[in-house]
């Protein structure tokens, strides 16, 4: 396996840091874009393991950090709290566009070894939901797997929104023993501005590509009912819904990953099997 870090830049100089993992050799392989969710990053927990397993299965795995994910000098910890506070759904959609455009234009390492007219996407939590949204306007996304995907970005009640506006920020829990992180009021304004672009259920209803929805039975962060709702909107001839038993939102994974859990092994196995049967080889 070849592993290569690279960086993509927005016009405003914000950077999206990426890692490519691709099998050694000269054959043409199919790329899979791997996306993290809220409070996630490409080197968290199971993402490096997932990238390696995808590469071993014959795919080119591209993981990436959102530009304002809070990762700066330390790749394994959110330490740029000011940057994190400025993140928005608008920015994350731009990050997805930057990554997919770079892939389609062959502006990633070893692009000459990749099949660029059809690729897969997998995302954890809101990352999976973004993949579904992007597939509406990126026809080259040919297959998707979601892990614990959300059914809506509208996750804040009226009182929380009022408090958010009044104090200019919303506190969110950080890692254990860490100070809370903050989201600026700009994140709320972007949610409201992007409302039409973030209609996940509509995107699932309109989708004409295969989607595998994986969800942990004991997921308390994104309840199982959200995954069931996504599945109810999907085309049952193309899509599947799979419950992973004894699994929460992160499939019994803590950061850093030492030994993969049985639920994680099952999720990875089903992901590789899905892409193996729905993407060109």
C-alpha atoms as a PDB file:
ATOM      1  CA  UNK A   1       0.000   0.000   0.000  1.00  0.00           C
ATOM      2  CA  UNK A   2       1.122   3.527  -0.823  1.00  0.00           C
ATOM      3  CA  UNK A   3       0.127   6.266   1.632  1.00  0.00           C
ATOM      4  CA  UNK A   4       0.429   9.913   0.622  1.00  0.00           C
ATOM      5  CA  UNK A   5      -0.622  13.105   2.410  1.00  0.00           C
ATOM      6  CA  UNK A   6      -1.594  16.096   0.279  1.00  0.00           C
ATOM      7  CA  UNK A   7      -3.348  19.437   0.688  1.00  0.00           C
ATOM      8  CA  UNK A   8      -6.015  21.159  -1.387  1.00  0.00           C
ATOM      9  CA  UNK A   9      -6.518  24.928  -1.094  1.00  0.00           C
ATOM     10  CA  UNK A  10      -9.577  27.124  -1.449  1.00  0.00           C
ATOM     11  CA  UNK A  11      -9.247  30.492  -3.160  1.00  0.00           C
ATOM     12  CA  UNK A  12      -9.362  32.174   0.265  1.00  0.00           C
ATOM     13  CA  UNK A  13      -6.356  30.010   1.288  1.00  0.00           C
ATOM     14  CA  UNK A  14      -8.311  27.750   3.644  1.00  0.00           C
ATOM     15  CA  UNK A  15      -6.783  24.301   3.348  1.00  0.00           C
ATOM     16  CA  UNK A  16      -8.285  20.817   3.186  1.00  0.00           C
ATOM     17  CA  UNK A  17      -5.760  18.210   4.300  1.00  0.00           C
ATOM     18  CA  UNK A  18      -6.103  14.774   2.718  1.00  0.00           C
ATOM     19  CA  UNK A  19      -4.571  11.317   2.849  1.00  0.00           C
ATOM     20  CA  UNK A  20      -4.528   8.886  -0.067  1.00  0.00           C
ATOM     21  CA  UNK A  21      -4.124   5.150   0.479  1.00  0.00           C
ATOM     22  CA  UNK A  22      -3.822   3.110  -2.701  1.00  0.00           C
ATOM     23  CA  UNK A  23      -2.645  -0.433  -3.476  1.00  0.00           C
ATOM     24  CA  UNK A  24       0.854  -0.771  -4.845  1.00  0.00           C
ATOM     25  CA  UNK A  25       1.108  -1.773  -8.472  1.00  0.00           C
ATOM     26  CA  UNK A  26       0.172  -0.379 -11.848  1.00  0.00           C
ATOM     27  CA  UNK A  27      -3.461  -1.362 -12.181  1.00  0.00           C
ATOM     28  CA  UNK A  28      -6.350   1.112 -12.391  1.00  0.00           C
ATOM     29  CA  UNK A  29      -8.414   1.259  -9.174  1.00  0.00           C
ATOM     30  CA  UNK A  30     -11.670   2.912  -8.144  1.00  0.00           C
ATOM     31  CA  UNK A  31     -11.477   5.783  -5.622  1.00  0.00           C
ATOM     32  CA  UNK A  32     -13.590   6.004  -2.471  1.00  0.00           C
ATOM     33  CA  UNK A  33     -13.919   9.360  -0.672  1.00  0.00           C
ATOM     34  CA  UNK A  34     -14.084   8.932   3.119  1.00  0.00           C
ATOM     35  CA  UNK A  35     -15.631  11.730   5.209  1.00  0.00           C
ATOM     36  CA  UNK A  36     -15.747  12.416   8.937  1.00  0.00           C
ATOM     37  CA  UNK A  37     -18.635  13.931  10.860  1.00  0.00           C
ATOM     38  CA  UNK A  38     -19.087  16.622  13.511  1.00  0.00           C
ATOM     39  CA  UNK A  39     -16.140  16.651  15.974  1.00  0.00           C
ATOM     40  CA  UNK A  40     -14.370  14.174  13.691  1.00  0.00           C
ATOM     41  CA  UNK A  41     -11.221  14.337  11.566  1.00  0.00           C
ATOM     42  CA  UNK A  42      -9.443  12.062   9.098  1.00  0.00           C
ATOM     43  CA  UNK A  43      -6.957  10.659  11.630  1.00  0.00           C
ATOM     44  CA  UNK A  44      -9.552  10.029  14.348  1.00  0.00           C
ATOM     45  CA  UNK A  45     -10.181   6.531  15.615  1.00  0.00           C
ATOM     46  CA  UNK A  46     -11.318   4.204  12.854  1.00  0.00           C
ATOM     47  CA  UNK A  47     -10.641   6.393   9.786  1.00  0.00           C
ATOM     48  CA  UNK A  48      -6.999   5.360   9.174  1.00  0.00           C
ATOM     49  CA  UNK A  49      -7.978   1.713   9.715  1.00  0.00           C
ATOM     50  CA  UNK A  50     -10.911   2.038   7.311  1.00  0.00           C
ATOM     51  CA  UNK A  51      -8.678   3.697   4.711  1.00  0.00           C
ATOM     52  CA  UNK A  52      -6.120   0.897   4.944  1.00  0.00           C
ATOM     53  CA  UNK A  53      -8.767  -1.807   4.691  1.00  0.00           C
ATOM     54  CA  UNK A  54     -10.301  -0.178   1.620  1.00  0.00           C
ATOM     55  CA  UNK A  55      -6.872   0.009   0.008  1.00  0.00           C
ATOM     56  CA  UNK A  56      -6.152  -3.632   0.821  1.00  0.00           C
ATOM     57  CA  UNK A  57      -9.476  -4.486  -0.852  1.00  0.00           C
ATOM     58  CA  UNK A  58      -8.309  -2.805  -4.073  1.00  0.00           C
ATOM     59  CA  UNK A  59      -9.698   0.730  -3.761  1.00  0.00           C
ATOM     60  CA  UNK A  60      -7.990   4.127  -3.545  1.00  0.00           C
ATOM     61  CA  UNK A  61      -9.218   5.625  -0.251  1.00  0.00           C
ATOM     62  CA  UNK A  62      -9.115   9.413   0.096  1.00  0.00           C
ATOM     63  CA  UNK A  63      -9.792  10.735   3.600  1.00  0.00           C
ATOM     64  CA  UNK A  64      -9.945  14.465   4.305  1.00  0.00           C
ATOM     65  CA  UNK A  65     -10.336  17.039   7.062  1.00  0.00           C
ATOM     66  CA  UNK A  66     -12.846  19.820   6.641  1.00  0.00           C
ATOM     67  CA  UNK A  67     -10.965  23.111   6.407  1.00  0.00           C
ATOM     68  CA  UNK A  68     -12.387  24.366   9.713  1.00  0.00           C
ATOM     69  CA  UNK A  69     -12.592  21.045  11.549  1.00  0.00           C
ATOM     70  CA  UNK A  70     -10.314  22.427  14.266  1.00  0.00           C
ATOM     71  CA  UNK A  71      -7.245  20.445  13.196  1.00  0.00           C
ATOM     72  CA  UNK A  72      -4.127  22.557  12.729  1.00  0.00           C
ATOM     73  CA  UNK A  73      -0.699  21.536  14.068  1.00  0.00           C
ATOM     74  CA  UNK A  74      -1.683  18.331  15.851  1.00  0.00           C
ATOM     75  CA  UNK A  75      -3.308  15.899  13.358  1.00  0.00           C
ATOM     76  CA  UNK A  76      -4.800  13.794  16.162  1.00  0.00           C
ATOM     77  CA  UNK A  77      -6.565  16.464  18.205  1.00  0.00           C
ATOM     78  CA  UNK A  78      -8.894  19.431  17.726  1.00  0.00           C
ATOM     79  CA  UNK A  79      -6.687  22.283  18.918  1.00  0.00           C
ATOM     80  CA  UNK A  80      -7.722  25.158  16.646  1.00  0.00           C
ATOM     81  CA  UNK A  81     -10.769  26.231  18.618  1.00  0.00           C
ATOM     82  CA  UNK A  82     -11.040  29.589  16.883  1.00  0.00           C
ATOM     83  CA  UNK A  83     -11.055  27.897  13.493  1.00  0.00           C
ATOM     84  CA  UNK A  84     -13.625  25.359  14.677  1.00  0.00           C
ATOM     85  CA  UNK A  85     -15.873  28.195  15.881  1.00  0.00           C
ATOM     86  CA  UNK A  86     -16.002  29.599  12.331  1.00  0.00           C
ATOM     87  CA  UNK A  87     -17.035  26.349  10.664  1.00  0.00           C
ATOM     88  CA  UNK A  88     -20.404  26.254   8.878  1.00  0.00           C
ATOM     89  CA  UNK A  89     -22.425  23.935   6.680  1.00  0.00           C
ATOM     90  CA  UNK A  90     -21.681  26.335   3.817  1.00  0.00           C
ATOM     91  CA  UNK A  91     -17.947  25.817   4.316  1.00  0.00           C
ATOM     92  CA  UNK A  92     -18.295  22.044   4.588  1.00  0.00           C
ATOM     93  CA  UNK A  93     -20.238  21.913   1.318  1.00  0.00           C
ATOM     94  CA  UNK A  94     -17.419  23.927  -0.282  1.00  0.00           C
ATOM     95  CA  UNK A  95     -14.895  21.453   1.115  1.00  0.00           C
ATOM     96  CA  UNK A  96     -16.784  18.564  -0.473  1.00  0.00           C
ATOM     97  CA  UNK A  97     -16.835  20.433  -3.777  1.00  0.00           C
ATOM     98  CA  UNK A  98     -13.085  21.056  -3.540  1.00  0.00           C
ATOM     99  CA  UNK A  99     -12.312  17.372  -2.925  1.00  0.00           C
ATOM    100  CA  UNK A 100     -14.646  15.989  -5.586  1.00  0.00           C
ATOM    101  CA  UNK A 101     -13.536  18.582  -8.175  1.00  0.00           C
ATOM    102  CA  UNK A 102      -9.875  17.757  -7.531  1.00  0.00           C
ATOM    103  CA  UNK A 103     -10.603  14.069  -7.984  1.00  0.00           C
ATOM    104  CA  UNK A 104     -12.616  14.550 -11.174  1.00  0.00           C
ATOM    105  CA  UNK A 105      -9.937  16.808 -12.666  1.00  0.00           C
ATOM    106  CA  UNK A 106      -7.161  14.392 -11.734  1.00  0.00           C
ATOM    107  CA  UNK A 107      -5.523  16.898  -9.380  1.00  0.00           C
ATOM    108  CA  UNK A 108      -4.738  14.360  -6.661  1.00  0.00           C
ATOM    109  CA  UNK A 109      -1.635  12.180  -6.262  1.00  0.00           C
ATOM    110  CA  UNK A 110      -1.506   9.083  -8.496  1.00  0.00           C
ATOM    111  CA  UNK A 111      -4.615  10.170 -10.376  1.00  0.00           C
ATOM    112  CA  UNK A 112      -3.328   8.296 -13.418  1.00  0.00           C
ATOM    113  CA  UNK A 113      -3.971   5.071 -11.508  1.00  0.00           C
ATOM    114  CA  UNK A 114      -7.570   5.940 -10.647  1.00  0.00           C
ATOM    115  CA  UNK A 115     -10.873   5.432 -12.424  1.00  0.00           C
ATOM    116  CA  UNK A 116     -12.269   8.975 -12.345  1.00  0.00           C
ATOM    117  CA  UNK A 117     -15.636   8.512 -14.049  1.00  0.00           C
ATOM    118  CA  UNK A 118     -17.181   6.552 -11.169  1.00  0.00           C
ATOM    119  CA  UNK A 119     -16.239   6.512  -7.499  1.00  0.00           C
ATOM    120  CA  UNK A 120     -17.663   5.700  -4.100  1.00  0.00           C
ATOM    121  CA  UNK A 121     -18.268   7.810  -1.007  1.00  0.00           C
ATOM    122  CA  UNK A 122     -18.568   6.810   2.622  1.00  0.00           C
ATOM    123  CA  UNK A 123     -19.247   9.123   5.524  1.00  0.00           C
ATOM    124  CA  UNK A 124     -19.705   8.859   9.256  1.00  0.00           C
ATOM    125  CA  UNK A 125     -22.643  10.717  10.828  1.00  0.00           C
ATOM    126  CA  UNK A 126     -23.216  13.991   8.952  1.00  0.00           C
ATOM    127  CA  UNK A 127     -20.386  12.983   6.586  1.00  0.00           C
ATOM    128  CA  UNK A 128     -22.620  10.260   5.176  1.00  0.00           C
ATOM    129  CA  UNK A 129     -25.493  12.683   4.788  1.00  0.00           C
ATOM    130  CA  UNK A 130     -23.253  15.131   2.920  1.00  0.00           C
ATOM    131  CA  UNK A 131     -22.282  12.302   0.549  1.00  0.00           C
ATOM    132  CA  UNK A 132     -25.953  11.754  -0.270  1.00  0.00           C
ATOM    133  CA  UNK A 133     -26.480  15.484  -0.837  1.00  0.00           C
ATOM    134  CA  UNK A 134     -23.406  15.760  -3.083  1.00  0.00           C
ATOM    135  CA  UNK A 135     -24.511  12.820  -5.223  1.00  0.00           C
ATOM    136  CA  UNK A 136     -27.397  14.961  -6.487  1.00  0.00           C
ATOM    137  CA  UNK A 137     -24.986  17.141  -8.458  1.00  0.00           C
ATOM    138  CA  UNK A 138     -21.946  14.878  -8.844  1.00  0.00           C
ATOM    139  CA  UNK A 139     -23.116  12.056 -11.115  1.00  0.00           C
ATOM    140  CA  UNK A 140     -19.732  10.333 -10.847  1.00  0.00           C
ATOM    141  CA  UNK A 141     -20.611   9.324  -7.259  1.00  0.00           C
ATOM    142  CA  UNK A 142     -21.785   5.820  -8.113  1.00  0.00           C
ATOM    143  CA  UNK A 143     -22.281   4.212  -4.692  1.00  0.00           C
ATOM    144  CA  UNK A 144     -22.539   5.381  -1.066  1.00  0.00           C
ATOM    145  CA  UNK A 145     -22.186   3.863   2.392  1.00  0.00           C
ATOM    146  CA  UNK A 146     -23.297   5.788   5.467  1.00  0.00           C
ATOM    147  CA  UNK A 147     -22.345   5.028   9.067  1.00  0.00           C
ATOM    148  CA  UNK A 148     -24.837   6.468  11.549  1.00  0.00           C
ATOM    149  CA  UNK A 149     -26.059   9.137   9.124  1.00  0.00           C
ATOM    150  CA  UNK A 150     -28.289  11.977  10.308  1.00  0.00           C
ATOM    151  CA  UNK A 151     -31.663  12.535   8.664  1.00  0.00           C
ATOM    152  CA  UNK A 152     -31.625  16.312   9.223  1.00  0.00           C
ATOM    153  CA  UNK A 153     -29.172  19.099  10.017  1.00  0.00           C
ATOM    154  CA  UNK A 154     -31.932  20.941  11.924  1.00  0.00           C
ATOM    155  CA  UNK A 155     -31.014  19.603  15.376  1.00  0.00           C
ATOM    156  CA  UNK A 156     -31.597  22.660  17.566  1.00  0.00           C
ATOM    157  CA  UNK A 157     -34.800  23.635  19.344  1.00  0.00           C
ATOM    158  CA  UNK A 158     -36.199  27.171  19.554  1.00  0.00           C
ATOM    159  CA  UNK A 159     -34.708  27.915  22.983  1.00  0.00           C
ATOM    160  CA  UNK A 160     -31.238  26.765  21.931  1.00  0.00           C
ATOM    161  CA  UNK A 161     -31.403  28.956  18.839  1.00  0.00           C
ATOM    162  CA  UNK A 162     -32.507  31.964  20.913  1.00  0.00           C
ATOM    163  CA  UNK A 163     -29.643  31.487  23.364  1.00  0.00           C
ATOM    164  CA  UNK A 164     -27.228  30.974  20.475  1.00  0.00           C
ATOM    165  CA  UNK A 165     -28.211  34.293  18.898  1.00  0.00           C
ATOM    166  CA  UNK A 166     -28.212  36.228  22.172  1.00  0.00           C
ATOM    167  CA  UNK A 167     -24.731  35.212  23.303  1.00  0.00           C
ATOM    168  CA  UNK A 168     -23.245  34.966  19.819  1.00  0.00           C
ATOM    169  CA  UNK A 169     -22.072  31.378  20.169  1.00  0.00           C
ATOM    170  CA  UNK A 170     -23.168  27.895  21.223  1.00  0.00           C
ATOM    171  CA  UNK A 171     -21.004  25.680  23.409  1.00  0.00           C
ATOM    172  CA  UNK A 172     -20.607  22.044  22.403  1.00  0.00           C
ATOM    173  CA  UNK A 173     -18.841  19.351  24.451  1.00  0.00           C
ATOM    174  CA  UNK A 174     -15.262  18.657  23.374  1.00  0.00           C
ATOM    175  CA  UNK A 175     -13.159  15.618  24.139  1.00  0.00           C
ATOM    176  CA  UNK A 176     -13.098  14.191  27.640  1.00  0.00           C
ATOM    177  CA  UNK A 177     -11.300  16.529  30.099  1.00  0.00           C
ATOM    178  CA  UNK A 178     -11.207  19.273  27.447  1.00  0.00           C
ATOM    179  CA  UNK A 179     -12.874  22.683  27.571  1.00  0.00           C
ATOM    180  CA  UNK A 180     -16.098  22.967  25.517  1.00  0.00           C
ATOM    181  CA  UNK A 181     -15.828  24.110  21.920  1.00  0.00           C
ATOM    182  CA  UNK A 182     -17.857  26.978  20.509  1.00  0.00           C
ATOM    183  CA  UNK A 183     -19.853  27.446  17.324  1.00  0.00           C
ATOM    184  CA  UNK A 184     -20.327  31.071  16.277  1.00  0.00           C
ATOM    185  CA  UNK A 185     -23.745  32.441  15.394  1.00  0.00           C
ATOM    186  CA  UNK A 186     -22.552  32.318  11.788  1.00  0.00           C
ATOM    187  CA  UNK A 187     -23.004  28.538  11.916  1.00  0.00           C
ATOM    188  CA  UNK A 188     -26.668  29.012  12.823  1.00  0.00           C
ATOM    189  CA  UNK A 189     -27.146  31.604  10.084  1.00  0.00           C
ATOM    190  CA  UNK A 190     -25.568  29.208   7.568  1.00  0.00           C
ATOM    191  CA  UNK A 191     -27.906  26.400   8.657  1.00  0.00           C
ATOM    192  CA  UNK A 192     -30.870  28.639   7.946  1.00  0.00           C
ATOM    193  CA  UNK A 193     -29.405  29.943   4.692  1.00  0.00           C
ATOM    194  CA  UNK A 194     -28.528  26.429   3.470  1.00  0.00           C
ATOM    195  CA  UNK A 195     -31.872  24.927   4.476  1.00  0.00           C
ATOM    196  CA  UNK A 196     -32.903  23.965   0.928  1.00  0.00           C
ATOM    197  CA  UNK A 197     -29.454  22.559   0.104  1.00  0.00           C
ATOM    198  CA  UNK A 198     -29.508  20.353   3.213  1.00  0.00           C
ATOM    199  CA  UNK A 199     -32.744  18.463   2.575  1.00  0.00           C
ATOM    200  CA  UNK A 200     -31.362  14.963   3.124  1.00  0.00           C
ATOM    201  CA  UNK A 201     -34.653  13.072   2.904  1.00  0.00           C
ATOM    202  CA  UNK A 202     -35.452  14.688  -0.438  1.00  0.00           C
ATOM    203  CA  UNK A 203     -32.016  13.740  -1.721  1.00  0.00           C
ATOM    204  CA  UNK A 204     -32.561  10.105  -0.666  1.00  0.00           C
ATOM    205  CA  UNK A 205     -35.960  10.035  -2.398  1.00  0.00           C
ATOM    206  CA  UNK A 206     -34.421  11.372  -5.618  1.00  0.00           C
ATOM    207  CA  UNK A 207     -31.349   9.140  -5.533  1.00  0.00           C
ATOM    208  CA  UNK A 208     -30.862   6.605  -8.312  1.00  0.00           C
ATOM    209  CA  UNK A 209     -27.628   5.053  -6.972  1.00  0.00           C
ATOM    210  CA  UNK A 210     -27.081   2.234  -4.465  1.00  0.00           C
ATOM    211  CA  UNK A 211     -26.812   3.322  -0.827  1.00  0.00           C
ATOM    212  CA  UNK A 212     -26.013   1.134   2.167  1.00  0.00           C
ATOM    213  CA  UNK A 213     -27.227   2.615   5.456  1.00  0.00           C
ATOM    214  CA  UNK A 214     -25.315   1.162   8.425  1.00  0.00           C
ATOM    215  CA  UNK A 215     -26.460   2.103  11.926  1.00  0.00           C
ATOM    216  CA  UNK A 216     -25.510   0.965  15.427  1.00  0.00           C
ATOM    217  CA  UNK A 217     -28.361  -0.505  17.458  1.00  0.00           C
ATOM    218  CA  UNK A 218     -27.270   1.432  20.590  1.00  0.00           C
ATOM    219  CA  UNK A 219     -26.477   4.723  18.834  1.00  0.00           C
ATOM    220  CA  UNK A 220     -27.420   7.462  21.318  1.00  0.00           C
ATOM    221  CA  UNK A 221     -25.918  10.352  19.364  1.00  0.00           C
ATOM    222  CA  UNK A 222     -27.960   9.665  16.221  1.00  0.00           C
ATOM    223  CA  UNK A 223     -30.857   7.377  17.162  1.00  0.00           C
ATOM    224  CA  UNK A 224     -31.592   4.288  15.102  1.00  0.00           C
ATOM    225  CA  UNK A 225     -34.911   5.868  14.115  1.00  0.00           C
ATOM    226  CA  UNK A 226     -33.004   8.411  11.989  1.00  0.00           C
ATOM    227  CA  UNK A 227     -31.379   5.660   9.954  1.00  0.00           C
ATOM    228  CA  UNK A 228     -34.748   3.932   9.604  1.00  0.00           C
ATOM    229  CA  UNK A 229     -36.280   7.159   8.308  1.00  0.00           C
ATOM    230  CA  UNK A 230     -33.582   7.487   5.659  1.00  0.00           C
ATOM    231  CA  UNK A 231     -34.177   3.882   4.609  1.00  0.00           C
ATOM    232  CA  UNK A 232     -37.930   4.471   4.346  1.00  0.00           C
ATOM    233  CA  UNK A 233     -37.238   7.196   1.754  1.00  0.00           C
ATOM    234  CA  UNK A 234     -34.797   5.087  -0.286  1.00  0.00           C
ATOM    235  CA  UNK A 235     -35.396   2.886  -3.316  1.00  0.00           C
ATOM    236  CA  UNK A 236     -35.496  -0.665  -1.854  1.00  0.00           C
ATOM    237  CA  UNK A 237     -34.400  -2.109  -5.194  1.00  0.00           C
ATOM    238  CA  UNK A 238     -31.080  -0.275  -4.955  1.00  0.00           C
ATOM    239  CA  UNK A 239     -30.497   0.371  -1.273  1.00  0.00           C
ATOM    240  CA  UNK A 240     -30.096  -1.602   1.949  1.00  0.00           C
ATOM    241  CA  UNK A 241     -30.429  -0.864   5.672  1.00  0.00           C
ATOM    242  CA  UNK A 242     -28.222  -2.823   8.068  1.00  0.00           C
ATOM    243  CA  UNK A 243     -28.268  -2.630  11.861  1.00  0.00           C
ATOM    244  CA  UNK A 244     -24.934  -3.325  13.589  1.00  0.00           C
ATOM    245  CA  UNK A 245     -25.621  -4.998  16.936  1.00  0.00           C
ATOM    246  CA  UNK A 246     -23.832  -3.964  20.146  1.00  0.00           C
ATOM    247  CA  UNK A 247     -22.700  -0.753  18.442  1.00  0.00           C
ATOM    248  CA  UNK A 248     -23.060   2.888  19.371  1.00  0.00           C
ATOM    249  CA  UNK A 249     -22.341   5.922  17.211  1.00  0.00           C
ATOM    250  CA  UNK A 250     -18.634   5.099  16.812  1.00  0.00           C
ATOM    251  CA  UNK A 251     -18.999   1.294  16.684  1.00  0.00           C
ATOM    252  CA  UNK A 252     -17.229   0.792  20.026  1.00  0.00           C
ATOM    253  CA  UNK A 253     -14.229   2.810  18.877  1.00  0.00           C
ATOM    254  CA  UNK A 254     -12.270   5.249  21.003  1.00  0.00           C
ATOM    255  CA  UNK A 255      -9.483   7.564  19.874  1.00  0.00           C
ATOM    256  CA  UNK A 256      -6.787   6.521  19.265  1.00  0.00           C
ATOM    257  CA  UNK A 257      -7.758   3.112  17.935  1.00  0.00           C
ATOM    258  CA  UNK A 258      -5.763   0.220  19.382  1.00  0.00           C
ATOM    259  CA  UNK A 259      -7.731  -2.913  18.489  1.00  0.00           C
ATOM    260  CA  UNK A 260     -10.786  -2.809  16.181  1.00  0.00           C
ATOM    261  CA  UNK A 261     -14.005  -3.900  17.891  1.00  0.00           C
ATOM    262  CA  UNK A 262     -16.265  -6.613  16.517  1.00  0.00           C
ATOM    263  CA  UNK A 263     -18.922  -4.035  15.493  1.00  0.00           C
ATOM    264  CA  UNK A 264     -16.262  -2.018  13.660  1.00  0.00           C
ATOM    265  CA  UNK A 265     -14.966  -5.126  11.892  1.00  0.00           C
ATOM    266  CA  UNK A 266     -18.520  -5.905  10.787  1.00  0.00           C
ATOM    267  CA  UNK A 267     -19.123  -2.346   9.550  1.00  0.00           C
ATOM    268  CA  UNK A 268     -15.858  -2.356   7.575  1.00  0.00           C
ATOM    269  CA  UNK A 269     -16.568  -5.789   6.100  1.00  0.00           C
ATOM    270  CA  UNK A 270     -20.057  -4.798   4.963  1.00  0.00           C
ATOM    271  CA  UNK A 271     -18.702  -1.526   3.533  1.00  0.00           C
ATOM    272  CA  UNK A 272     -16.055  -3.296   1.465  1.00  0.00           C
ATOM    273  CA  UNK A 273     -18.567  -5.897   0.312  1.00  0.00           C
ATOM    274  CA  UNK A 274     -21.010  -3.177  -0.756  1.00  0.00           C
ATOM    275  CA  UNK A 275     -18.460  -1.247  -2.768  1.00  0.00           C
ATOM    276  CA  UNK A 276     -17.144  -4.497  -4.232  1.00  0.00           C
ATOM    277  CA  UNK A 277     -20.587  -5.283  -5.649  1.00  0.00           C
ATOM    278  CA  UNK A 278     -21.661  -1.757  -6.685  1.00  0.00           C
ATOM    279  CA  UNK A 279     -18.492  -0.067  -8.009  1.00  0.00           C
ATOM    280  CA  UNK A 280     -16.540  -0.922 -11.165  1.00  0.00           C
ATOM    281  CA  UNK A 281     -13.490  -3.100 -10.532  1.00  0.00           C
END
